[in-house]
């Protein structure tokens, strides 16, 4: 049996459109989980409790909700709360490969290959709102899936849970926001000081309105460079600290005047770590990422460059 199997149990609870509130008929809620008011125009999702999160474990959990969209739907923002420790992030995906509502299990590569990214949040009280006339768009027939990540760096067995508000856009004319990740899921961070480099050449034009670096607690330094029309520009040269794991430095541009990178331009990410543990850290416990969101006015969809190879995201 996979060591992550058996971590999850319980039932999904979804509250819609500001008319209902969680009550005695709702799910069991961990005492340290904040549950915000239900959105007026949207849904609230409370995941089943994730149990038996072992010390030193890295757990990516996927929960299929009962939110199946009957039409193309624009999401204006999301608000998430997650128990921490060991909560790390909450990501909202959509999928056309449906599972019974409330299905919750460790995410597999097969699962993730069917998902398409919508929006993501940190742990507690973070709002991710699309600026200007941008929205996070999901097609008709999509089932909403929540990916919640738990990293237990303590010596105790812990539990985890998520409360998420999904706020729909009011009627209007909107442009979808896309996501692009520069990443390498093959990273291996040895004991002691080390570094890693990722080089990606763009396969299409991207109009970035948002960009961040991302590492975890053993990160010490990250740089991100863009090369446009042969000219290199340093976006980030950051001495890393623990607080940046959840609240990294960021660059935000007006979607009307985004940072434009063209097909054939490049993004380079250089990461350095000081691994003071007694083991090699794989992807999940450590990361080396440049993550951006862009104006997807051609509706081409999300992309990721994983170790130099571009794939749907």
Protein backbone atom coordinates (compact mmCIF):
# COMPACT_ATOMS: atom_id res chain seq x y z
CA UNK A 1 0.00 0.00 0.00
CA UNK A 2 1.18 3.51 -0.82
CA UNK A 3 2.16 5.24 2.43
CA UNK A 4 -0.32 8.04 1.64
CA UNK A 5 -3.29 5.73 1.18
CA UNK A 6 -5.78 5.80 4.02
CA UNK A 7 -5.04 9.40 4.92
CA UNK A 8 -8.50 10.69 4.12
CA UNK A 9 -12.06 10.13 5.17
CA UNK A 10 -15.32 11.95 5.63
CA UNK A 11 -17.77 13.79 3.40
CA UNK A 12 -17.63 16.92 1.31
CA UNK A 13 -19.75 19.91 2.26
CA UNK A 14 -20.68 22.60 -0.25
CA UNK A 15 -22.75 25.67 0.58
CA UNK A 16 -24.05 27.85 -2.24
CA UNK A 17 -24.79 31.47 -2.99
CA UNK A 18 -24.99 33.01 0.47
CA UNK A 19 -28.31 31.41 1.37
CA UNK A 20 -27.19 28.58 3.60
CA UNK A 21 -24.78 28.42 6.46
CA UNK A 22 -22.87 25.49 7.92
CA UNK A 23 -24.74 23.99 10.82
CA UNK A 24 -25.16 20.79 12.74
CA UNK A 25 -25.84 18.90 9.50
CA UNK A 26 -22.54 20.08 8.04
CA UNK A 27 -19.17 18.38 8.19
CA UNK A 28 -16.88 17.93 11.13
CA UNK A 29 -14.63 20.99 11.20
CA UNK A 30 -11.24 21.01 12.88
CA UNK A 31 -11.12 23.54 15.74
CA UNK A 32 -8.23 25.50 14.22
CA UNK A 33 -9.87 25.89 10.79
CA UNK A 34 -11.38 29.31 10.07
CA UNK A 35 -14.66 29.09 8.12
CA UNK A 36 -15.52 32.45 6.50
CA UNK A 37 -19.06 33.66 5.68
CA UNK A 38 -20.61 32.03 2.63
CA UNK A 39 -20.18 34.19 -0.51
CA UNK A 40 -23.21 36.02 -1.87
CA UNK A 41 -22.42 35.02 -5.46
CA UNK A 42 -20.50 31.78 -5.31
CA UNK A 43 -19.99 28.58 -3.34
CA UNK A 44 -18.19 27.54 -0.19
CA UNK A 45 -16.37 24.20 -0.06
CA UNK A 46 -15.26 22.49 3.14
CA UNK A 47 -13.14 19.43 2.48
CA UNK A 48 -13.17 16.20 4.46
CA UNK A 49 -10.52 16.07 7.18
CA UNK A 50 -7.14 14.69 6.18
CA UNK A 51 -5.93 12.49 9.02
CA UNK A 52 -2.70 10.76 10.01
CA UNK A 53 -0.34 13.27 8.40
CA UNK A 54 2.91 11.73 9.53
CA UNK A 55 6.02 13.65 10.68
CA UNK A 56 8.32 14.40 7.76
CA UNK A 57 5.63 13.64 5.18
CA UNK A 58 4.66 15.56 2.04
CA UNK A 59 1.02 15.09 1.05
CA UNK A 60 -0.78 16.29 -2.08
CA UNK A 61 -4.49 15.60 -1.59
CA UNK A 62 -7.15 15.94 -4.30
CA UNK A 63 -10.85 16.45 -3.54
CA UNK A 64 -13.55 16.27 -6.22
CA UNK A 65 -16.43 18.60 -5.30
CA UNK A 66 -20.10 18.42 -6.26
CA UNK A 67 -19.69 21.68 -8.21
CA UNK A 68 -20.27 20.68 -11.85
CA UNK A 69 -20.73 23.73 -14.05
CA UNK A 70 -23.70 23.75 -16.42
CA UNK A 71 -22.24 26.64 -18.46
CA UNK A 72 -18.94 28.40 -19.04
CA UNK A 73 -18.29 30.04 -15.68
CA UNK A 74 -16.08 32.98 -14.76
CA UNK A 75 -14.55 33.09 -11.29
CA UNK A 76 -13.58 36.51 -10.00
CA UNK A 77 -11.73 35.46 -6.86
CA UNK A 78 -11.11 32.74 -4.30
CA UNK A 79 -10.57 32.95 -0.55
CA UNK A 80 -9.05 30.02 1.32
CA UNK A 81 -8.32 28.92 4.87
CA UNK A 82 -6.25 25.84 5.73
CA UNK A 83 -5.07 24.36 9.00
CA UNK A 84 -1.40 25.10 9.61
CA UNK A 85 0.75 23.41 10.36
CA UNK A 86 0.81 21.43 8.12
CA UNK A 87 -1.10 23.39 5.43
CA UNK A 88 0.93 24.73 2.52
CA UNK A 89 -1.40 25.73 -0.33
CA UNK A 90 -4.83 25.36 -1.91
CA UNK A 91 -5.19 25.16 -5.69
CA UNK A 92 -8.48 25.11 -7.62
CA UNK A 93 -8.61 23.03 -10.80
CA UNK A 94 -11.34 21.93 -13.17
CA UNK A 95 -11.66 18.59 -14.95
CA UNK A 96 -13.88 16.94 -17.54
CA UNK A 97 -13.10 13.51 -16.03
CA UNK A 98 -15.66 13.39 -13.25
CA UNK A 99 -15.46 11.51 -9.95
CA UNK A 100 -18.23 11.07 -7.35
CA UNK A 101 -18.60 14.21 -5.24
CA UNK A 102 -16.54 13.92 -2.08
CA UNK A 103 -13.93 11.62 -3.58
CA UNK A 104 -10.70 12.50 -1.78
CA UNK A 105 -7.34 10.78 -2.14
CA UNK A 106 -3.63 11.42 -2.61
CA UNK A 107 -3.21 13.03 -6.03
CA UNK A 108 -1.78 10.73 -8.66
CA UNK A 109 -0.01 11.64 -11.90
CA UNK A 110 -3.02 10.20 -13.73
CA UNK A 111 -5.36 12.50 -11.80
CA UNK A 112 -3.23 15.58 -12.31
CA UNK A 113 -2.98 14.95 -16.05
CA UNK A 114 -6.76 15.46 -16.31
CA UNK A 115 -6.80 18.75 -14.36
CA UNK A 116 -6.57 22.29 -15.69
CA UNK A 117 -5.50 25.13 -13.39
CA UNK A 118 -7.97 27.83 -12.35
CA UNK A 119 -6.51 29.71 -9.38
CA UNK A 120 -4.50 29.19 -6.22
CA UNK A 121 -4.14 30.50 -2.70
CA UNK A 122 -1.81 30.25 0.26
CA UNK A 123 -3.10 29.01 3.58
CA UNK A 124 -5.09 31.47 5.67
CA UNK A 125 -7.20 34.40 4.57
CA UNK A 126 -5.48 34.91 1.25
CA UNK A 127 -7.66 36.31 -1.55
CA UNK A 128 -6.64 35.72 -5.14
CA UNK A 129 -8.62 38.17 -7.25
CA UNK A 130 -8.24 38.72 -10.98
CA UNK A 131 -7.59 42.43 -11.71
CA UNK A 132 -9.25 44.67 -14.27
CA UNK A 133 -11.61 42.74 -16.54
CA UNK A 134 -9.79 39.41 -16.06
CA UNK A 135 -11.39 36.25 -14.70
CA UNK A 136 -10.46 32.63 -14.06
CA UNK A 137 -12.62 30.75 -16.61
CA UNK A 138 -13.87 27.15 -16.57
CA UNK A 139 -15.81 25.54 -19.45
CA UNK A 140 -19.30 24.05 -19.25
CA UNK A 141 -19.38 20.51 -17.90
CA UNK A 142 -16.33 21.01 -15.68
CA UNK A 143 -16.12 19.53 -12.20
CA UNK A 144 -14.26 21.66 -9.66
CA UNK A 145 -11.38 19.85 -7.92
CA UNK A 146 -9.42 21.10 -4.92
CA UNK A 147 -5.73 20.27 -4.53
CA UNK A 148 -4.57 20.83 -0.95
CA UNK A 149 -0.96 20.37 0.07
CA UNK A 150 0.34 19.43 3.53
CA UNK A 151 3.99 19.46 4.58
CA UNK A 152 4.52 18.15 8.09
CA UNK A 153 7.89 19.42 9.30
CA UNK A 154 6.94 18.78 12.95
CA UNK A 155 7.49 15.68 15.06
CA UNK A 156 3.76 15.14 15.64
CA UNK A 157 1.03 13.37 13.68
CA UNK A 158 -1.31 16.09 12.40
CA UNK A 159 -4.66 16.62 10.69
CA UNK A 160 -5.55 19.03 7.91
CA UNK A 161 -8.62 20.61 6.31
CA UNK A 162 -9.61 23.41 3.91
CA UNK A 163 -12.45 25.95 3.76
CA UNK A 164 -12.64 27.66 0.38
CA UNK A 165 -14.91 30.38 -1.00
CA UNK A 166 -15.26 30.55 -4.78
CA UNK A 167 -16.67 33.93 -5.87
CA UNK A 168 -18.27 34.06 -9.31
CA UNK A 169 -18.03 37.09 -11.58
CA UNK A 170 -21.05 39.31 -12.02
CA UNK A 171 -22.41 39.59 -15.58
CA UNK A 172 -20.06 41.45 -17.89
CA UNK A 173 -17.45 41.19 -20.63
CA UNK A 174 -14.34 39.50 -19.33
CA UNK A 175 -11.01 38.14 -20.57
CA UNK A 176 -9.61 34.94 -19.03
CA UNK A 177 -6.38 34.98 -17.05
CA UNK A 178 -3.96 32.19 -17.89
CA UNK A 179 -1.19 30.65 -15.76
CA UNK A 180 2.36 29.74 -16.71
CA UNK A 181 4.79 27.90 -14.43
CA UNK A 182 8.55 27.58 -14.94
CA UNK A 183 9.47 24.52 -12.88
CA UNK A 184 11.47 21.30 -12.75
CA UNK A 185 9.76 18.42 -10.98
CA UNK A 186 12.98 16.40 -11.21
CA UNK A 187 14.84 18.53 -8.65
CA UNK A 188 16.86 16.73 -6.00
CA UNK A 189 18.32 18.91 -3.25
CA UNK A 190 21.28 17.15 -1.62
CA UNK A 191 22.39 17.63 1.96
CA UNK A 192 24.30 20.87 2.38
CA UNK A 193 24.63 23.74 -0.10
CA UNK A 194 23.50 23.20 -3.69
CA UNK A 195 21.92 24.95 -6.66
CA UNK A 196 19.69 24.21 -9.67
CA UNK A 197 19.05 25.98 -12.97
CA UNK A 198 15.97 25.94 -15.21
CA UNK A 199 16.01 27.38 -18.73
CA UNK A 200 12.82 27.70 -20.76
CA UNK A 201 12.32 29.20 -24.21
CA UNK A 202 8.80 30.44 -24.84
CA UNK A 203 6.75 28.62 -27.45
CA UNK A 204 4.15 31.39 -27.67
CA UNK A 205 3.69 35.04 -26.72
CA UNK A 206 2.72 35.70 -23.10
CA UNK A 207 1.35 38.94 -21.64
CA UNK A 208 2.26 38.71 -17.95
CA UNK A 209 0.37 40.74 -15.37
CA UNK A 210 1.74 38.87 -12.33
CA UNK A 211 4.96 37.00 -11.51
CA UNK A 212 6.50 35.46 -8.37
CA UNK A 213 9.42 33.25 -7.37
CA UNK A 214 8.73 30.21 -5.21
CA UNK A 215 10.91 28.06 -2.95
CA UNK A 216 10.46 26.35 0.41
CA UNK A 217 12.10 26.64 3.81
CA UNK A 218 15.56 25.39 2.75
CA UNK A 219 15.88 27.97 -0.01
CA UNK A 220 18.63 30.55 0.38
CA UNK A 221 18.66 32.52 -2.88
CA UNK A 222 16.67 32.72 -6.13
CA UNK A 223 17.13 34.75 -9.29
CA UNK A 224 14.77 34.98 -12.27
CA UNK A 225 15.87 36.50 -15.57
CA UNK A 226 13.92 37.16 -18.74
CA UNK A 227 15.51 37.51 -22.17
CA UNK A 228 13.46 39.54 -24.64
CA UNK A 229 14.73 40.50 -28.09
CA UNK A 230 18.21 39.45 -27.00
CA UNK A 231 18.24 41.68 -23.90
CA UNK A 232 18.39 40.05 -20.45
CA UNK A 233 16.47 41.62 -17.55
CA UNK A 234 16.66 40.47 -13.94
CA UNK A 235 13.16 40.23 -12.47
CA UNK A 236 14.14 38.87 -9.05
CA UNK A 237 17.39 38.62 -7.11
CA UNK A 238 16.06 37.48 -3.75
CA UNK A 239 17.72 36.30 -0.56
CA UNK A 240 15.13 33.76 0.54
CA UNK A 241 13.56 33.46 3.97
CA UNK A 242 10.83 31.30 5.46
CA UNK A 243 8.15 33.98 5.22
CA UNK A 244 8.45 34.06 1.42
CA UNK A 245 7.17 30.48 1.17
CA UNK A 246 3.64 31.80 1.65
CA UNK A 247 4.10 35.49 0.85
CA UNK A 248 6.78 35.79 -1.84
CA UNK A 249 7.95 39.03 -3.43
CA UNK A 250 5.86 39.73 -6.49
CA UNK A 251 5.63 41.88 -9.57
CA UNK A 252 2.18 43.08 -10.63
CA UNK A 253 1.50 44.89 -13.88
CA UNK A 254 -1.65 46.56 -15.16
CA UNK A 255 -3.32 43.98 -17.46
CA UNK A 256 -3.80 46.84 -19.94
CA UNK A 257 0.01 47.29 -20.13
CA UNK A 258 1.42 43.84 -19.32
CA UNK A 259 5.00 42.60 -19.50
CA UNK A 260 5.12 40.99 -22.94
CA UNK A 261 7.45 38.11 -23.72
CA UNK A 262 7.46 36.79 -27.28
CA UNK A 263 7.85 33.34 -28.77
CA UNK A 264 11.57 32.53 -28.71
CA UNK A 265 12.25 34.69 -25.63
CA UNK A 266 13.53 32.90 -22.53
CA UNK A 267 13.03 32.69 -18.76
CA UNK A 268 15.87 31.44 -16.52
CA UNK A 269 15.38 30.45 -12.88
CA UNK A 270 18.38 29.83 -10.60
CA UNK A 271 17.82 28.43 -7.11
CA UNK A 272 20.19 27.85 -4.20
CA UNK A 273 19.52 25.87 -1.04
CA UNK A 274 21.05 25.04 2.31
CA UNK A 275 19.64 21.63 3.17
CA UNK A 276 20.40 21.12 6.87
CA UNK A 277 18.37 17.90 7.10
CA UNK A 278 19.81 14.41 6.91
CA UNK A 279 18.10 13.51 3.61
CA UNK A 280 17.83 14.52 -0.02
CA UNK A 281 14.79 16.74 -0.65
CA UNK A 282 12.72 15.97 -3.72
CA UNK A 283 10.11 18.09 -5.47
CA UNK A 284 7.39 18.99 -2.96
CA UNK A 285 9.62 19.38 0.06
CA UNK A 286 11.63 21.83 -2.00
CA UNK A 287 10.80 23.72 -5.17
CA UNK A 288 12.39 26.01 -7.73
CA UNK A 289 9.61 27.88 -9.53
CA UNK A 290 8.86 31.01 -11.46
CA UNK A 291 5.09 31.36 -11.59
CA UNK A 292 3.13 33.91 -13.57
CA UNK A 293 -0.37 34.78 -14.69
CA UNK A 294 -1.04 36.35 -18.07
CA UNK A 295 -3.76 37.96 -20.16
CA UNK A 296 -5.09 35.04 -22.20
CA UNK A 297 -6.99 37.10 -24.76
CA UNK A 298 -6.53 34.32 -27.33
CA UNK A 299 -7.88 31.74 -24.86
CA UNK A 300 -5.02 29.33 -25.47
CA UNK A 301 -5.03 27.93 -21.92
CA UNK A 302 -2.50 27.36 -19.12
CA UNK A 303 1.01 26.08 -19.70
CA UNK A 304 3.98 24.83 -17.68
CA UNK A 305 7.61 24.47 -18.68
CA UNK A 306 8.86 21.46 -16.72
CA UNK A 307 12.59 21.09 -17.05
CA UNK A 308 12.53 22.81 -20.44
CA UNK A 309 9.52 20.93 -21.84
CA UNK A 310 6.20 22.71 -22.26
CA UNK A 311 3.01 20.89 -21.23
CA UNK A 312 -0.64 21.90 -20.54
CA UNK A 313 -1.17 23.04 -16.96
